[in-house]
Amino acid sequence: MAKINIRKMKDNQSGIIASVKAVGEMGRRIREMGLIPGAKIKICGRAPLYDPVSLKVMGFTLSLRNKEADYIEVEVQD
């Protein structure tokens, strides 16, 4: 399995969160949204200028800015 950050994932691609590299307030907020290691995610789509990215995690849809998505590393199938 390859590890990439959420920004580099394609639409409808799924993966499992491997790590969250954000610290401080941003890291806390990301984890509170359910983006924790081991959580399964699926990219639903992107805004016209590719920011933000929409994803499904734990049964709900969430939008992240690319600057937040860069801190989340995901294991995806090649």
PDB file of N, CA and C in Angstrom:
ATOM      1  N   MET A   1       0.832  -1.188   0.000  1.00  0.00           N
ATOM      2  CA  MET A   1       0.000   0.000   0.000  1.00  0.00           C
ATOM      3  C   MET A   1       0.871   1.244   0.000  1.00  0.00           C
ATOM      4  N   ALA A   2       0.500   2.188  -0.828  1.00  0.00           N
ATOM      5  CA  ALA A   2       1.216   3.456  -0.898  1.00  0.00           C
ATOM      6  C   ALA A   2       0.635   4.437   0.118  1.00  0.00           C
ATOM      7  N   LYS A   3       1.485   5.317   0.643  1.00  0.00           N
ATOM      8  CA  LYS A   3       1.039   6.358   1.573  1.00  0.00           C
ATOM      9  C   LYS A   3       1.136   7.705   0.876  1.00  0.00           C
ATOM     10  N   ILE A   4      -0.001   8.415   0.825  1.00  0.00           N
ATOM     11  CA  ILE A   4      -0.044   9.751   0.245  1.00  0.00           C
ATOM     12  C   ILE A   4      -0.909  10.636   1.137  1.00  0.00           C
ATOM     13  N   ASN A   5      -0.819  11.952   0.950  1.00  0.00           N
ATOM     14  CA  ASN A   5      -1.711  12.803   1.740  1.00  0.00           C
ATOM     15  C   ASN A   5      -3.039  12.964   1.005  1.00  0.00           C
ATOM     16  N   ILE A   6      -4.045  13.415   1.723  1.00  0.00           N
ATOM     17  CA  ILE A   6      -5.399  13.494   1.177  1.00  0.00           C
ATOM     18  C   ILE A   6      -5.457  14.387  -0.058  1.00  0.00           C
ATOM     19  N   ARG A   7      -4.675  15.439  -0.110  1.00  0.00           N
ATOM     20  CA  ARG A   7      -4.701  16.337  -1.267  1.00  0.00           C
ATOM     21  C   ARG A   7      -4.402  15.600  -2.567  1.00  0.00           C
ATOM     22  N   LYS A   8      -3.558  14.578  -2.519  1.00  0.00           N
ATOM     23  CA  LYS A   8      -3.143  13.858  -3.727  1.00  0.00           C
ATOM     24  C   LYS A   8      -4.090  12.727  -4.119  1.00  0.00           C
ATOM     25  N   MET A   9      -5.103  12.451  -3.316  1.00  0.00           N
ATOM     26  CA  MET A   9      -6.045  11.383  -3.637  1.00  0.00           C
ATOM     27  C   MET A   9      -6.977  11.821  -4.761  1.00  0.00           C
ATOM     28  N   LYS A  10      -7.438  10.857  -5.543  1.00  0.00           N
ATOM     29  CA  LYS A  10      -8.358  11.114  -6.655  1.00  0.00           C
ATOM     30  C   LYS A  10      -9.799  10.961  -6.186  1.00  0.00           C
ATOM     31  N   ASP A  11     -10.739  11.512  -6.950  1.00  0.00           N
ATOM     32  CA  ASP A  11     -12.158  11.354  -6.639  1.00  0.00           C
ATOM     33  C   ASP A  11     -12.525   9.877  -6.605  1.00  0.00           C
ATOM     34  N   ASN A  12     -13.366   9.500  -5.658  1.00  0.00           N
ATOM     35  CA  ASN A  12     -13.844   8.128  -5.430  1.00  0.00           C
ATOM     36  C   ASN A  12     -12.756   7.167  -4.966  1.00  0.00           C
ATOM     37  N   GLN A  13     -11.582   7.664  -4.628  1.00  0.00           N
ATOM     38  CA  GLN A  13     -10.515   6.810  -4.109  1.00  0.00           C
ATOM     39  C   GLN A  13     -10.711   6.642  -2.602  1.00  0.00           C
ATOM     40  N   SER A  14     -10.475   5.430  -2.121  1.00  0.00           N
ATOM     41  CA  SER A  14     -10.627   5.126  -0.695  1.00  0.00           C
ATOM     42  C   SER A  14      -9.277   4.820  -0.074  1.00  0.00           C
ATOM     43  N   GLY A  15      -9.222   4.934   1.234  1.00  0.00           N
ATOM     44  CA  GLY A  15      -8.000   4.609   1.949  1.00  0.00           C
ATOM     45  C   GLY A  15      -8.243   4.592   3.445  1.00  0.00           C
ATOM     46  N   ILE A  16      -7.177   4.278   4.162  1.00  0.00           N
ATOM     47  CA  ILE A  16      -7.206   4.233   5.624  1.00  0.00           C
ATOM     48  C   ILE A  16      -6.176   5.225   6.137  1.00  0.00           C
ATOM     49  N   ILE A  17      -6.596   6.076   7.064  1.00  0.00           N
ATOM     50  CA  ILE A  17      -5.689   7.081   7.613  1.00  0.00           C
ATOM     51  C   ILE A  17      -4.544   6.383   8.345  1.00  0.00           C
ATOM     52  N   ALA A  18      -3.313   6.728   7.942  1.00  0.00           N
ATOM     53  CA  ALA A  18      -2.126   6.156   8.562  1.00  0.00           C
ATOM     54  C   ALA A  18      -1.610   7.043   9.688  1.00  0.00           C
ATOM     55  N   SER A  19      -1.645   8.369   9.470  1.00  0.00           N
ATOM     56  CA  SER A  19      -1.169   9.285  10.507  1.00  0.00           C
ATOM     57  C   SER A  19      -1.703  10.686  10.280  1.00  0.00           C
ATOM     58  N   VAL A  20      -1.755  11.437  11.372  1.00  0.00           N
ATOM     59  CA  VAL A  20      -2.125  12.854  11.328  1.00  0.00           C
ATOM     60  C   VAL A  20      -0.921  13.608  11.865  1.00  0.00           C
ATOM     61  N   LYS A  21      -0.294  14.391  11.016  1.00  0.00           N
ATOM     62  CA  LYS A  21       0.950  15.066  11.379  1.00  0.00           C
ATOM     63  C   LYS A  21       0.747  16.460  11.944  1.00  0.00           C
ATOM     64  N   ALA A  22      -0.490  16.944  11.963  1.00  0.00           N
ATOM     65  CA  ALA A  22      -0.781  18.276  12.515  1.00  0.00           C
ATOM     66  C   ALA A  22      -0.653  18.248  14.034  1.00  0.00           C
ATOM     67  N   VAL A  23      -0.208  19.348  14.583  1.00  0.00           N
ATOM     68  CA  VAL A  23      -0.080  19.480  16.037  1.00  0.00           C
ATOM     69  C   VAL A  23      -0.859  20.709  16.489  1.00  0.00           C
ATOM     70  N   GLY A  24      -0.959  20.877  17.769  1.00  0.00           N
ATOM     71  CA  GLY A  24      -1.615  22.049  18.327  1.00  0.00           C
ATOM     72  C   GLY A  24      -3.105  22.071  18.045  1.00  0.00           C
ATOM     73  N   GLU A  25      -3.635  23.292  17.878  1.00  0.00           N
ATOM     74  CA  GLU A  25      -5.071  23.487  17.675  1.00  0.00           C
ATOM     75  C   GLU A  25      -5.566  22.792  16.412  1.00  0.00           C
ATOM     76  N   MET A  26      -4.821  22.880  15.310  1.00  0.00           N
ATOM     77  CA  MET A  26      -5.251  22.235  14.072  1.00  0.00           C
ATOM     78  C   MET A  26      -5.293  20.718  14.235  1.00  0.00           C
ATOM     79  N   GLY A  27      -4.309  20.146  14.866  1.00  0.00           N
ATOM     80  CA  GLY A  27      -4.293  18.707  15.101  1.00  0.00           C
ATOM     81  C   GLY A  27      -5.470  18.250  15.947  1.00  0.00           C
ATOM     82  N   ARG A  28      -5.796  19.022  16.960  1.00  0.00           N
ATOM     83  CA  ARG A  28      -6.924  18.694  17.822  1.00  0.00           C
ATOM     84  C   ARG A  28      -8.225  18.736  17.034  1.00  0.00           C
ATOM     85  N   ARG A  29      -8.421  19.795  16.250  1.00  0.00           N
ATOM     86  CA  ARG A  29      -9.648  19.922  15.447  1.00  0.00           C
ATOM     87  C   ARG A  29      -9.789  18.780  14.442  1.00  0.00           C
ATOM     88  N   ILE A  30      -8.695  18.422  13.782  1.00  0.00           N
ATOM     89  CA  ILE A  30      -8.737  17.332  12.802  1.00  0.00           C
ATOM     90  C   ILE A  30      -9.145  16.031  13.484  1.00  0.00           C
ATOM     91  N   ARG A  31      -8.571  15.752  14.633  1.00  0.00           N
ATOM     92  CA  ARG A  31      -8.895  14.506  15.346  1.00  0.00           C
ATOM     93  C   ARG A  31     -10.334  14.513  15.861  1.00  0.00           C
ATOM     94  N   GLU A  32     -10.825  15.668  16.291  1.00  0.00           N
ATOM     95  CA  GLU A  32     -12.206  15.761  16.772  1.00  0.00           C
ATOM     96  C   GLU A  32     -13.220  15.501  15.663  1.00  0.00           C
ATOM     97  N   MET A  33     -12.832  15.737  14.422  1.00  0.00           N
ATOM     98  CA  MET A  33     -13.721  15.474  13.289  1.00  0.00           C
ATOM     99  C   MET A  33     -13.750  13.992  12.915  1.00  0.00           C
ATOM    100  N   GLY A  34     -12.999  13.167  13.622  1.00  0.00           N
ATOM    101  CA  GLY A  34     -12.997  11.733  13.350  1.00  0.00           C
ATOM    102  C   GLY A  34     -11.881  11.280  12.433  1.00  0.00           C
ATOM    103  N   LEU A  35     -10.984  12.191  12.083  1.00  0.00           N
ATOM    104  CA  LEU A  35      -9.864  11.838  11.205  1.00  0.00           C
ATOM    105  C   LEU A  35      -8.700  11.358  12.064  1.00  0.00           C
ATOM    106  N   ILE A  36      -8.777  10.101  12.439  1.00  0.00           N
ATOM    107  CA  ILE A  36      -7.785   9.488  13.318  1.00  0.00           C
ATOM    108  C   ILE A  36      -7.180   8.270  12.614  1.00  0.00           C
ATOM    109  N   PRO A  37      -5.970   7.875  12.989  1.00  0.00           N
ATOM    110  CA  PRO A  37      -5.364   6.691  12.370  1.00  0.00           C
ATOM    111  C   PRO A  37      -6.285   5.473  12.481  1.00  0.00           C
ATOM    112  N   GLY A  38      -6.424   4.769  11.354  1.00  0.00           N
ATOM    113  CA  GLY A  38      -7.282   3.589  11.294  1.00  0.00           C
ATOM    114  C   GLY A  38      -8.654   3.859  10.716  1.00  0.00           C
ATOM    115  N   ALA A  39      -9.058   5.127  10.617  1.00  0.00           N
ATOM    116  CA  ALA A  39     -10.373   5.471  10.069  1.00  0.00           C
ATOM    117  C   ALA A  39     -10.363   5.318   8.545  1.00  0.00           C
ATOM    118  N   LYS A  40     -11.444   4.741   8.017  1.00  0.00           N
ATOM    119  CA  LYS A  40     -11.582   4.589   6.570  1.00  0.00           C
ATOM    120  C   LYS A  40     -12.185   5.863   5.995  1.00  0.00           C
ATOM    121  N   ILE A  41     -11.632   6.325   4.859  1.00  0.00           N
ATOM    122  CA  ILE A  41     -12.157   7.519   4.205  1.00  0.00           C
ATOM    123  C   ILE A  41     -12.345   7.252   2.710  1.00  0.00           C
ATOM    124  N   LYS A  42     -13.190   8.068   2.090  1.00  0.00           N
ATOM    125  CA  LYS A  42     -13.397   8.018   0.642  1.00  0.00           C
ATOM    126  C   LYS A  42     -13.559   9.447   0.142  1.00  0.00           C
ATOM    127  N   ILE A  43     -12.847   9.793  -0.906  1.00  0.00           N
ATOM    128  CA  ILE A  43     -12.942  11.124  -1.489  1.00  0.00           C
ATOM    129  C   ILE A  43     -14.231  11.207  -2.293  1.00  0.00           C
ATOM    130  N   CYS A  44     -15.080  12.178  -1.970  1.00  0.00           N
ATOM    131  CA  CYS A  44     -16.371  12.358  -2.661  1.00  0.00           C
ATOM    132  C   CYS A  44     -16.250  13.327  -3.826  1.00  0.00           C
ATOM    133  N   GLY A  45     -15.426  14.334  -3.708  1.00  0.00           N
ATOM    134  CA  GLY A  45     -15.280  15.314  -4.773  1.00  0.00           C
ATOM    135  C   GLY A  45     -14.497  16.520  -4.313  1.00  0.00           C
ATOM    136  N   ARG A  46     -14.348  17.471  -5.232  1.00  0.00           N
ATOM    137  CA  ARG A  46     -13.598  18.695  -4.948  1.00  0.00           C
ATOM    138  C   ARG A  46     -14.338  19.897  -5.507  1.00  0.00           C
ATOM    139  N   ALA A  47     -14.071  21.028  -4.936  1.00  0.00           N
ATOM    140  CA  ALA A  47     -14.618  22.278  -5.451  1.00  0.00           C
ATOM    141  C   ALA A  47     -13.970  22.572  -6.811  1.00  0.00           C
ATOM    142  N   PRO A  48     -14.551  23.476  -7.598  1.00  0.00           N
ATOM    143  CA  PRO A  48     -14.007  23.757  -8.935  1.00  0.00           C
ATOM    144  C   PRO A  48     -12.519  24.125  -8.968  1.00  0.00           C
ATOM    145  N   LEU A  49     -12.022  24.799  -7.969  1.00  0.00           N
ATOM    146  CA  LEU A  49     -10.592  25.142  -7.930  1.00  0.00           C
ATOM    147  C   LEU A  49      -9.793  24.159  -7.069  1.00  0.00           C
ATOM    148  N   TYR A  50     -10.355  22.968  -6.813  1.00  0.00           N
ATOM    149  CA  TYR A  50      -9.728  21.864  -6.080  1.00  0.00           C
ATOM    150  C   TYR A  50      -9.505  22.138  -4.602  1.00  0.00           C
ATOM    151  N   ASP A  51     -10.143  23.151  -4.053  1.00  0.00           N
ATOM    152  CA  ASP A  51     -10.044  23.427  -2.632  1.00  0.00           C
ATOM    153  C   ASP A  51     -11.389  23.983  -2.181  1.00  0.00           C
ATOM    154  N   PRO A  52     -12.104  23.368  -1.281  1.00  0.00           N
ATOM    155  CA  PRO A  52     -11.754  22.232  -0.421  1.00  0.00           C
ATOM    156  C   PRO A  52     -12.039  20.881  -1.079  1.00  0.00           C
ATOM    157  N   VAL A  53     -11.670  19.847  -0.341  1.00  0.00           N
ATOM    158  CA  VAL A  53     -11.928  18.467  -0.748  1.00  0.00           C
ATOM    159  C   VAL A  53     -13.033  17.914   0.151  1.00  0.00           C
ATOM    160  N   SER A  54     -13.954  17.165  -0.440  1.00  0.00           N
ATOM    161  CA  SER A  54     -15.060  16.563   0.308  1.00  0.00           C
ATOM    162  C   SER A  54     -14.776  15.073   0.471  1.00  0.00           C
ATOM    163  N   LEU A  55     -14.950  14.568   1.690  1.00  0.00           N
ATOM    164  CA  LEU A  55     -14.681  13.152   1.934  1.00  0.00           C
ATOM    165  C   LEU A  55     -15.696  12.562   2.888  1.00  0.00           C
ATOM    166  N   LYS A  56     -15.839  11.254   2.827  1.00  0.00           N
ATOM    167  CA  LYS A  56     -16.720  10.513   3.746  1.00  0.00           C
ATOM    168  C   LYS A  56     -15.844   9.834   4.783  1.00  0.00           C
ATOM    169  N   VAL A  57     -16.226  10.000   6.040  1.00  0.00           N
ATOM    170  CA  VAL A  57     -15.530   9.350   7.137  1.00  0.00           C
ATOM    171  C   VAL A  57     -16.565   9.043   8.218  1.00  0.00           C
ATOM    172  N   MET A  58     -16.552   7.832   8.718  1.00  0.00           N
ATOM    173  CA  MET A  58     -17.438   7.397   9.796  1.00  0.00           C
ATOM    174  C   MET A  58     -18.914   7.691   9.505  1.00  0.00           C
ATOM    175  N   GLY A  59     -19.329   7.576   8.218  1.00  0.00           N
ATOM    176  CA  GLY A  59     -20.730   7.736   7.860  1.00  0.00           C
ATOM    177  C   GLY A  59     -21.191   9.154   7.595  1.00  0.00           C
ATOM    178  N   PHE A  60     -20.301  10.140   7.674  1.00  0.00           N
ATOM    179  CA  PHE A  60     -20.728  11.497   7.366  1.00  0.00           C
ATOM    180  C   PHE A  60     -19.775  12.140   6.367  1.00  0.00           C
ATOM    181  N   THR A  61     -20.243  13.204   5.722  1.00  0.00           N
ATOM    182  CA  THR A  61     -19.441  13.914   4.733  1.00  0.00           C
ATOM    183  C   THR A  61     -18.787  15.121   5.392  1.00  0.00           C
ATOM    184  N   LEU A  62     -17.531  15.324   5.063  1.00  0.00           N
ATOM    185  CA  LEU A  62     -16.717  16.366   5.678  1.00  0.00           C
ATOM    186  C   LEU A  62     -15.948  17.088   4.587  1.00  0.00           C
ATOM    187  N   SER A  63     -15.781  18.379   4.709  1.00  0.00           N
ATOM    188  CA  SER A  63     -14.960  19.147   3.772  1.00  0.00           C
ATOM    189  C   SER A  63     -13.727  19.664   4.494  1.00  0.00           C
ATOM    190  N   LEU A  64     -12.583  19.513   3.834  1.00  0.00           N
ATOM    191  CA  LEU A  64     -11.316  19.981   4.388  1.00  0.00           C
ATOM    192  C   LEU A  64     -10.630  20.897   3.398  1.00  0.00           C
ATOM    193  N   ARG A  65      -9.995  21.920   3.897  1.00  0.00           N
ATOM    194  CA  ARG A  65      -9.138  22.738   3.046  1.00  0.00           C
ATOM    195  C   ARG A  65      -7.882  21.935   2.732  1.00  0.00           C
ATOM    196  N   ASN A  66      -7.257  22.245   1.608  1.00  0.00           N
ATOM    197  CA  ASN A  66      -6.047  21.520   1.228  1.00  0.00           C
ATOM    198  C   ASN A  66      -4.926  21.699   2.243  1.00  0.00           C
ATOM    199  N   LYS A  67      -4.848  22.872   2.876  1.00  0.00           N
ATOM    200  CA  LYS A  67      -3.780  23.072   3.862  1.00  0.00           C
ATOM    201  C   LYS A  67      -3.975  22.151   5.076  1.00  0.00           C
ATOM    202  N   GLU A  68      -5.218  21.760   5.373  1.00  0.00           N
ATOM    203  CA  GLU A  68      -5.472  20.795   6.440  1.00  0.00           C
ATOM    204  C   GLU A  68      -5.243  19.371   5.930  1.00  0.00           C
ATOM    205  N   ALA A  69      -5.667  19.101   4.697  1.00  0.00           N
ATOM    206  CA  ALA A  69      -5.537  17.769   4.115  1.00  0.00           C
ATOM    207  C   ALA A  69      -4.072  17.358   3.963  1.00  0.00           C
ATOM    208  N   ASP A  70      -3.177  18.318   3.823  1.00  0.00           N
ATOM    209  CA  ASP A  70      -1.753  18.009   3.670  1.00  0.00           C
ATOM    210  C   ASP A  70      -1.159  17.332   4.905  1.00  0.00           C
ATOM    211  N   TYR A  71      -1.774  17.505   6.056  1.00  0.00           N
ATOM    212  CA  TYR A  71      -1.255  16.930   7.297  1.00  0.00           C
ATOM    213  C   TYR A  71      -1.728  15.495   7.541  1.00  0.00           C
ATOM    214  N   ILE A  72      -2.598  14.984   6.680  1.00  0.00           N
ATOM    215  CA  ILE A  72      -3.178  13.663   6.909  1.00  0.00           C
ATOM    216  C   ILE A  72      -2.663  12.689   5.854  1.00  0.00           C
ATOM    217  N   GLU A  73      -1.952  11.670   6.321  1.00  0.00           N
ATOM    218  CA  GLU A  73      -1.366  10.665   5.445  1.00  0.00           C
ATOM    219  C   GLU A  73      -2.271   9.439   5.411  1.00  0.00           C
ATOM    220  N   VAL A  74      -2.536   8.950   4.193  1.00  0.00           N
ATOM    221  CA  VAL A  74      -3.494   7.861   3.994  1.00  0.00           C
ATOM    222  C   VAL A  74      -2.825   6.719   3.241  1.00  0.00           C
ATOM    223  N   GLU A  75      -3.141   5.477   3.634  1.00  0.00           N
ATOM    224  CA  GLU A  75      -2.682   4.298   2.889  1.00  0.00           C
ATOM    225  C   GLU A  75      -3.749   3.975   1.848  1.00  0.00           C
ATOM    226  N   VAL A  76      -3.348   3.933   0.591  1.00  0.00           N
ATOM    227  CA  VAL A  76      -4.272   3.636  -0.509  1.00  0.00           C
ATOM    228  C   VAL A  76      -3.748   2.452  -1.317  1.00  0.00           C
ATOM    229  N   GLN A  77      -4.689   1.780  -2.004  1.00  0.00           N
ATOM    230  CA  GLN A  77      -4.287   0.705  -2.918  1.00  0.00           C
ATOM    231  C   GLN A  77      -3.639   1.341  -4.142  1.00  0.00           C
ATOM    232  N   ASP A  78      -2.609   0.735  -4.681  1.00  0.00           N
ATOM    233  CA  ASP A  78      -1.933   1.273  -5.867  1.00  0.00           C
ATOM    234  C   ASP A  78      -2.754   1.238  -7.087  1.00  0.00           C
TER     235      ASP A  78
END
